[in-house]
Amino acid sequence: MMTYRRYPMKGIANFRDLGGYSCNGGMTKWGVFFRSTSLHKAVEEDVAIMERMGISRILDLRYPGEREEKPDVPVKGADWMGISLLGTIPVEEIDVNDEEEDTKTLINMYRQIIASSRAEIKDSVQAMIQAEGPALFHCAAGKDRTGILAMLLLGAVGVSREDIIADYEMSHHYIRSFTEDISGSHGSNMQKLFDEIVEEWGSVTGFLQECGISQKELSRLNEKFVLPCDFAE
């Protein structure tokens, strides 16, 4: 199949490849990790694309209630996992002004996740590392919980702060016709989160080790996700 940054899905918005970013020792490989909105609106053509891509694992980061209300359409050959990245934080206690367009207050929710969901973060990162083939992760709109996991995977292999923020900001434009969530993906939210992680733990890898990800697992992530390139030497 052709390699795309954003795939032309009909019922799934924001379906993107995390490949092609400069990182430690080279660039992130195409066709390893994908991010998207939920798959409950996936049409037959979308499913066929994912099956041809060889998606081997789908990680749903939504609350159990969200999954039950709007279940993912199954994809043949892909094992499905559900891990709520918001952990047990009740919906009514999520600290965000979601009625403000492209709000800068999403950082408050992101801080809650980093503080309260380290076991879920560990499980999610391990699920991606352990996937036997291409792996897809998503939440509802594919920008907040999905954005945090994308930041952790990209940051763990040394993708720059600027590229991580830019990748996060794309969601604001790609989901407008898909969801009623107007809170957007203002770059300041990811900028603050990334900077706070680095200030507290020294790096994204330092934070992941705090969550329980081992050095062996980080090395395996690099082998899986990084394509060595001459220009990086």
Protein backbone atom coordinates (compact mmCIF):
# COMPACT_ATOMS: atom_id res chain seq x y z
CA MET A 1 0.00 0.00 0.00
CA MET A 2 0.96 3.63 -0.43
CA THR A 3 2.27 5.43 2.65
CA TYR A 4 0.24 8.43 3.79
CA ARG A 5 0.57 10.91 6.63
CA ARG A 6 -3.23 11.09 6.92
CA TYR A 7 -5.28 8.27 5.45
CA PRO A 8 -8.40 8.99 3.36
CA MET A 9 -10.94 7.30 5.60
CA LYS A 10 -14.67 7.96 5.19
CA GLY A 11 -16.04 7.27 8.66
CA ILE A 12 -12.88 7.76 10.76
CA ALA A 13 -11.31 11.18 11.18
CA ASN A 14 -7.71 12.06 11.98
CA PHE A 15 -6.32 8.64 11.00
CA ARG A 16 -2.59 9.36 10.85
CA ASP A 17 0.78 7.63 10.71
CA LEU A 18 3.42 8.64 13.29
CA GLY A 19 6.24 7.91 10.85
CA GLY A 20 8.57 10.37 9.19
CA TYR A 21 9.73 12.44 12.16
CA SER A 22 13.41 13.08 12.80
CA CYS A 23 14.47 11.44 16.07
CA ASN A 24 17.49 10.03 17.90
CA GLY A 25 19.53 8.08 15.37
CA GLY A 26 17.26 8.56 12.38
CA MET A 27 13.54 8.98 11.81
CA THR A 28 10.37 7.32 13.02
CA LYS A 29 9.32 4.42 10.82
CA TRP A 30 6.21 4.59 8.68
CA GLY A 31 3.59 1.91 9.22
CA VAL A 32 4.33 1.13 12.88
CA PHE A 33 2.01 3.33 14.96
CA PHE A 34 -1.22 5.01 13.91
CA ARG A 35 -3.60 7.34 15.75
CA SER A 36 -7.24 8.21 15.04
CA THR A 37 -10.68 9.01 16.34
CA SER A 38 -12.88 6.14 17.51
CA LEU A 39 -13.84 3.46 15.01
CA HIS A 40 -17.57 3.33 15.70
CA LYS A 41 -18.35 5.16 12.44
CA ALA A 42 -15.94 3.11 10.32
CA VAL A 43 -17.48 2.04 7.03
CA GLU A 44 -16.69 -1.04 4.99
CA GLU A 45 -14.06 0.78 2.92
CA ASP A 46 -12.28 1.99 6.09
CA VAL A 47 -12.15 -1.50 7.52
CA ALA A 48 -10.79 -2.84 4.24
CA ILE A 49 -7.98 -0.26 4.32
CA MET A 50 -7.02 -1.20 7.89
CA GLU A 51 -7.05 -4.88 7.00
CA ARG A 52 -4.79 -4.29 3.99
CA MET A 53 -2.48 -2.24 6.21
CA GLY A 54 -2.18 -5.27 8.48
CA ILE A 55 -3.31 -3.52 11.66
CA SER A 56 -2.53 -6.12 14.32
CA ARG A 57 -3.65 -4.28 17.45
CA ILE A 58 -6.28 -1.66 18.25
CA LEU A 59 -5.99 0.14 21.59
CA ASP A 60 -9.12 2.01 22.69
CA LEU A 61 -8.27 4.65 25.31
CA ARG A 62 -11.88 5.60 26.10
CA TYR A 63 -13.85 5.02 29.30
CA PRO A 64 -15.67 1.65 29.41
CA GLY A 65 -19.00 3.48 29.12
CA GLU A 66 -17.86 5.25 25.96
CA ARG A 67 -16.83 1.95 24.42
CA GLU A 68 -20.15 0.33 25.25
CA GLU A 69 -22.18 3.25 23.88
CA LYS A 70 -20.17 3.57 20.66
CA PRO A 71 -18.26 0.31 20.13
CA ASP A 72 -15.45 0.08 17.60
CA VAL A 73 -16.21 -1.68 14.35
CA PRO A 74 -14.11 -4.88 14.40
CA VAL A 75 -11.12 -5.25 12.09
CA LYS A 76 -10.15 -8.75 10.96
CA GLY A 77 -6.66 -9.72 12.15
CA ALA A 78 -6.48 -7.05 14.83
CA ASP A 79 -6.69 -7.87 18.52
CA TRP A 80 -8.66 -5.20 20.40
CA MET A 81 -7.69 -3.82 23.82
CA GLY A 82 -9.43 -1.30 26.06
CA ILE A 83 -7.43 0.78 28.54
CA SER A 84 -9.00 3.95 29.91
CA LEU A 85 -6.25 6.57 29.91
CA LEU A 86 -8.35 8.70 32.26
CA GLY A 87 -8.26 5.80 34.68
CA THR A 88 -10.94 6.07 37.31
CA ILE A 89 -11.26 9.88 37.21
CA PRO A 90 -15.04 10.53 37.08
CA VAL A 91 -16.17 12.47 34.02
CA GLU A 92 -17.60 15.23 36.21
CA GLU A 93 -14.19 15.74 37.82
CA ILE A 94 -12.29 16.29 34.59
CA ASP A 95 -10.78 19.76 34.92
CA VAL A 96 -11.37 21.40 31.56
CA ASN A 97 -13.56 24.14 30.11
CA ASP A 98 -14.77 22.11 27.14
CA GLU A 99 -17.28 24.76 26.06
CA GLU A 100 -14.48 27.10 25.02
CA GLU A 101 -13.33 26.75 21.41
CA ASP A 102 -9.71 25.62 21.03
CA THR A 103 -9.29 26.04 24.77
CA LYS A 104 -5.95 26.39 26.51
CA THR A 105 -7.37 24.72 29.65
CA LEU A 106 -6.95 21.15 28.37
CA ILE A 107 -3.58 21.19 30.15
CA ASN A 108 -5.50 20.76 33.41
CA MET A 109 -6.93 17.45 32.23
CA TYR A 110 -3.55 16.38 30.88
CA ARG A 111 -1.99 17.04 34.27
CA GLN A 112 -4.68 14.84 35.85
CA ILE A 113 -3.79 12.00 33.49
CA ILE A 114 -0.05 12.30 34.15
CA ALA A 115 -0.66 12.39 37.91
CA SER A 116 -3.36 9.74 38.25
CA SER A 117 -3.06 7.28 35.36
CA ARG A 118 0.52 6.04 35.45
CA ALA A 119 -0.51 2.39 35.57
CA GLU A 120 -2.72 2.95 32.51
CA ILE A 121 0.09 4.84 30.77
CA LYS A 122 2.45 1.93 31.43
CA ASP A 123 -0.07 -0.60 30.12
CA SER A 124 -0.78 1.50 27.02
CA VAL A 125 2.87 1.99 26.10
CA GLN A 126 3.57 -1.70 26.67
CA ALA A 127 0.60 -2.60 24.47
CA MET A 128 2.14 -0.61 21.63
CA ILE A 129 5.61 -2.04 22.15
CA GLN A 130 4.31 -5.61 22.28
CA ALA A 131 2.09 -5.39 19.20
CA GLU A 132 3.16 -7.98 16.63
CA GLY A 133 2.52 -5.67 13.68
CA PRO A 134 1.18 -2.18 12.94
CA ALA A 135 -0.76 -0.82 15.90
CA LEU A 136 -3.55 1.76 16.12
CA PHE A 137 -4.56 3.71 19.21
CA HIS A 138 -7.49 6.07 19.62
CA CYS A 139 -9.89 7.69 22.03
CA ALA A 140 -13.10 9.53 21.06
CA ALA A 141 -11.98 12.59 19.08
CA GLY A 142 -8.40 11.34 18.79
CA LYS A 143 -6.74 14.44 20.21
CA ASP A 144 -6.44 14.42 24.02
CA ARG A 145 -5.88 10.92 25.39
CA THR A 146 -4.60 9.92 21.96
CA GLY A 147 -2.43 13.04 21.83
CA ILE A 148 -0.79 12.19 25.15
CA LEU A 149 0.07 8.63 24.11
CA ALA A 150 1.40 9.94 20.78
CA MET A 151 3.58 12.45 22.64
CA LEU A 152 4.97 9.71 24.87
CA LEU A 153 5.80 7.38 21.98
CA LEU A 154 7.37 10.16 19.91
CA GLY A 155 9.17 11.70 22.86
CA ALA A 156 10.56 8.34 23.98
CA VAL A 157 12.56 8.04 20.74
CA GLY A 158 13.71 11.64 20.73
CA VAL A 159 11.32 13.40 18.37
CA SER A 160 11.68 17.13 18.93
CA ARG A 161 9.40 19.20 21.11
CA GLU A 162 8.42 21.27 18.06
CA ASP A 163 7.41 18.24 16.00
CA ILE A 164 5.44 16.75 18.89
CA ILE A 165 3.51 19.99 19.36
CA ALA A 166 2.90 20.27 15.61
CA ASP A 167 1.62 16.68 15.44
CA TYR A 168 -0.75 17.42 18.31
CA GLU A 169 -2.08 20.61 16.71
CA MET A 170 -3.10 18.84 13.49
CA SER A 171 -6.09 17.26 15.22
CA HIS A 172 -7.86 20.60 15.58
CA HIS A 173 -8.26 20.82 11.81
CA TYR A 174 -8.97 17.17 11.06
CA ILE A 175 -11.84 16.54 13.48
CA ARG A 176 -14.06 19.57 12.85
CA SER A 177 -16.59 17.64 10.76
CA PHE A 178 -16.43 14.51 12.94
CA THR A 179 -17.21 15.63 16.48
CA GLU A 180 -19.10 18.22 18.51
CA ASP A 181 -16.02 18.64 20.73
CA ILE A 182 -14.91 22.21 20.05
CA SER A 183 -12.14 22.26 22.66
CA GLY A 184 -9.57 21.72 19.89
CA SER A 185 -5.87 21.03 20.29
CA HIS A 186 -4.28 24.39 21.04
CA GLY A 187 -0.52 23.95 20.92
CA SER A 188 -0.01 25.59 24.30
CA ASN A 189 -1.58 22.57 26.01
CA MET A 190 1.00 20.12 24.68
CA GLN A 191 3.80 22.63 25.03
CA LYS A 192 3.09 23.02 28.75
CA LEU A 193 2.68 19.29 29.31
CA PHE A 194 5.91 18.41 27.53
CA ASP A 195 7.88 21.12 29.34
CA GLU A 196 6.50 20.09 32.73
CA ILE A 197 7.42 16.44 32.13
CA VAL A 198 10.97 17.42 31.16
CA GLU A 199 11.28 19.74 34.16
CA GLU A 200 10.05 17.07 36.59
CA TRP A 201 11.62 13.89 35.16
CA GLY A 202 14.35 15.17 32.85
CA SER A 203 12.84 13.65 29.70
CA VAL A 204 9.89 11.69 28.38
CA THR A 205 11.89 8.49 28.91
CA GLY A 206 12.48 9.52 32.51
CA PHE A 207 8.73 9.87 33.02
CA LEU A 208 8.03 6.52 31.36
CA GLN A 209 10.55 4.86 33.65
CA GLU A 210 8.71 6.48 36.57
CA CYS A 211 5.56 4.81 35.22
CA GLY A 212 7.32 1.42 35.22
CA ILE A 213 8.58 1.10 31.65
CA SER A 214 11.95 -0.67 31.76
CA GLN A 215 15.11 0.25 29.87
CA LYS A 216 14.76 -3.02 27.96
CA GLU A 217 11.28 -2.00 26.85
CA LEU A 218 12.52 1.46 25.81
CA SER A 219 15.25 -0.20 23.75
CA ARG A 220 12.68 -2.46 22.13
CA LEU A 221 10.56 0.61 21.31
CA ASN A 222 13.56 2.20 19.58
CA GLU A 223 14.22 -0.94 17.55
CA LYS A 224 10.58 -1.13 16.55
CA PHE A 225 9.97 2.55 15.80
CA VAL A 226 13.28 4.10 14.64
CA LEU A 227 14.74 3.79 11.15
CA PRO A 228 18.50 4.56 11.30
CA CYS A 229 19.47 7.26 8.79
CA ASP A 230 22.86 8.45 7.58
CA PHE A 231 22.03 12.11 8.10
CA ALA A 232 21.55 11.47 11.82
CA GLU A 233 25.17 10.40 12.29
